[in-house]
Amino acid sequence: MNLEKVVFGFFVLLAATLNFGFFIGDIDDPALHNPYELFAAVVVNLIATVLKFGDRTQIGAVHLATSLVADLQLIGAALMFGYAEYVSSAGMTPSWTASVVSLSGGALLANIVSVVLLVVETVSFHRG
């Protein structure tokens, strides 16, 4: 068993599950979307991205691309959340919440693609 692959798989799956946890729930109800879960999703996605650097294969490039997409969308969602909560006088309205959750949904799709790639890569791995 390769510890590096275990850690890599752990962070890829954790990134997807944290993102899913934030995403799930009514799209416009801020009470159902925990900001700490969004923060954890951003941090774990950034860690997963760092772990994907250095892989020079084609599938490694696609892994990195999916992580960068997820990072961009989650950071955008976190910035929108912060603006709505701490700058906007309206606070976290259903409209702001829907925008944040929509961005997190796009990141979730990128995370799902990354998990599928991980599974395909694992299944197609031949010991030689």
Protein backbone atom coordinates (compact mmCIF):
# COMPACT_ATOMS: atom_id res chain seq x y z
CA MET A 1 0.00 0.00 0.00
CA ASN A 2 1.36 3.39 -1.01
CA LEU A 3 0.87 5.99 1.76
CA GLU A 4 1.13 8.86 -0.73
CA LYS A 5 -1.81 7.47 -2.72
CA VAL A 6 -3.82 6.96 0.47
CA VAL A 7 -3.30 10.59 1.52
CA PHE A 8 -4.09 11.79 -2.00
CA GLY A 9 -7.31 9.76 -2.16
CA PHE A 10 -8.27 10.87 1.34
CA PHE A 11 -8.06 14.56 0.49
CA VAL A 12 -9.83 14.16 -2.88
CA LEU A 13 -12.73 12.36 -1.20
CA LEU A 14 -12.80 14.67 1.81
CA ALA A 15 -12.93 17.70 -0.48
CA ALA A 16 -15.91 16.24 -2.32
CA THR A 17 -17.80 15.24 0.83
CA LEU A 18 -17.27 18.57 2.59
CA ASN A 19 -18.43 20.40 -0.51
CA PHE A 20 -21.47 18.13 -0.74
CA GLY A 21 -22.28 18.77 2.92
CA PHE A 22 -22.30 22.52 2.34
CA PHE A 23 -24.23 22.26 -0.94
CA ILE A 24 -27.07 20.05 0.26
CA GLY A 25 -30.25 21.79 1.45
CA ASP A 26 -32.66 24.43 0.18
CA ILE A 27 -30.68 26.68 -2.12
CA ASP A 28 -32.00 29.92 -0.61
CA ASP A 29 -32.05 29.09 3.13
CA PRO A 30 -28.88 30.39 4.81
CA ALA A 31 -29.61 28.40 7.98
CA LEU A 32 -28.93 25.16 6.08
CA HIS A 33 -25.48 26.17 4.78
CA ASN A 34 -22.81 26.36 7.48
CA PRO A 35 -20.03 28.89 6.79
CA TYR A 36 -17.50 26.75 8.68
CA GLU A 37 -18.25 23.87 6.35
CA LEU A 38 -17.63 26.16 3.38
CA PHE A 39 -14.34 27.26 4.94
CA ALA A 40 -13.32 23.63 5.53
CA ALA A 41 -14.22 22.78 1.91
CA VAL A 42 -12.02 25.64 0.66
CA VAL A 43 -9.05 24.59 2.82
CA VAL A 44 -9.29 20.88 1.97
CA ASN A 45 -9.71 21.65 -1.75
CA LEU A 46 -6.57 23.81 -1.64
CA ILE A 47 -4.67 20.97 0.06
CA ALA A 48 -5.93 18.53 -2.59
CA THR A 49 -4.76 20.93 -5.30
CA VAL A 50 -1.25 21.12 -3.83
CA LEU A 51 -1.11 17.31 -3.71
CA LYS A 52 -1.98 17.17 -7.42
CA PHE A 53 1.05 19.23 -8.49
CA GLY A 54 3.94 17.21 -9.83
CA ASP A 55 1.95 14.51 -11.61
CA ARG A 56 3.13 14.78 -15.23
CA THR A 57 0.59 12.38 -16.75
CA GLN A 58 -2.44 13.41 -18.81
CA ILE A 59 -4.83 12.20 -16.12
CA GLY A 60 -2.76 14.15 -13.57
CA ALA A 61 -3.26 17.30 -15.65
CA VAL A 62 -7.02 16.75 -15.69
CA HIS A 63 -6.96 16.10 -11.92
CA LEU A 64 -5.19 19.42 -11.44
CA ALA A 65 -7.62 21.21 -13.74
CA THR A 66 -10.63 19.90 -11.80
CA SER A 67 -9.05 21.04 -8.54
CA LEU A 68 -8.32 24.50 -9.89
CA VAL A 69 -11.93 24.83 -11.07
CA ALA A 70 -13.22 23.74 -7.65
CA ASP A 71 -10.82 26.12 -5.88
CA LEU A 72 -11.86 29.06 -8.03
CA GLN A 73 -15.56 28.44 -7.44
CA LEU A 74 -15.23 27.76 -3.72
CA ILE A 75 -13.06 30.84 -3.16
CA GLY A 76 -15.63 32.86 -5.10
CA ALA A 77 -18.41 31.40 -2.94
CA ALA A 78 -16.47 32.21 0.25
CA LEU A 79 -15.83 35.79 -0.92
CA MET A 80 -19.51 36.24 -1.75
CA PHE A 81 -20.49 34.78 1.63
CA GLY A 82 -18.08 37.14 3.41
CA TYR A 83 -19.30 40.15 1.46
CA ALA A 84 -22.95 39.36 2.12
CA GLU A 85 -22.39 38.66 5.80
CA TYR A 86 -19.90 41.38 6.76
CA VAL A 87 -20.11 44.17 4.16
CA SER A 88 -23.62 44.21 2.72
CA SER A 89 -26.25 45.92 4.86
CA ALA A 90 -28.84 43.32 3.76
CA GLY A 91 -26.91 40.39 5.21
CA MET A 92 -27.25 36.83 4.00
CA THR A 93 -30.44 37.07 1.96
CA PRO A 94 -31.98 34.17 0.01
CA SER A 95 -30.52 35.69 -3.16
CA TRP A 96 -26.97 35.83 -1.76
CA THR A 97 -27.36 32.33 -0.37
CA ALA A 98 -28.50 30.99 -3.74
CA SER A 99 -25.47 32.55 -5.42
CA VAL A 100 -23.05 31.08 -2.88
CA VAL A 101 -24.66 27.63 -3.04
CA SER A 102 -24.68 27.72 -6.86
CA LEU A 103 -20.94 28.35 -6.94
CA SER A 104 -20.42 25.55 -4.47
CA GLY A 105 -22.51 23.31 -6.75
CA GLY A 106 -20.16 24.00 -9.64
CA ALA A 107 -17.22 23.13 -7.40
CA LEU A 108 -19.04 19.96 -6.36
CA LEU A 109 -19.33 18.92 -10.00
CA ALA A 110 -15.58 19.44 -10.43
CA ASN A 111 -14.97 17.38 -7.26
CA ILE A 112 -17.17 14.57 -8.59
CA VAL A 113 -15.17 14.53 -11.84
CA SER A 114 -12.00 14.30 -9.75
CA VAL A 115 -13.37 11.37 -7.72
CA VAL A 116 -14.44 9.58 -10.92
CA LEU A 117 -10.95 10.09 -12.35
CA LEU A 118 -9.44 8.72 -9.15
CA VAL A 119 -11.62 5.61 -9.33
CA VAL A 120 -10.89 5.09 -13.05
CA GLU A 121 -7.17 5.52 -12.41
CA THR A 122 -7.33 3.03 -9.53
CA VAL A 123 -9.32 0.43 -11.48
CA SER A 124 -7.04 0.69 -14.52
CA PHE A 125 -3.82 0.47 -12.48
CA HIS A 126 -1.79 -2.63 -13.38
CA ARG A 127 0.88 -3.96 -11.11
CA GLY A 128 3.94 -4.61 -13.09
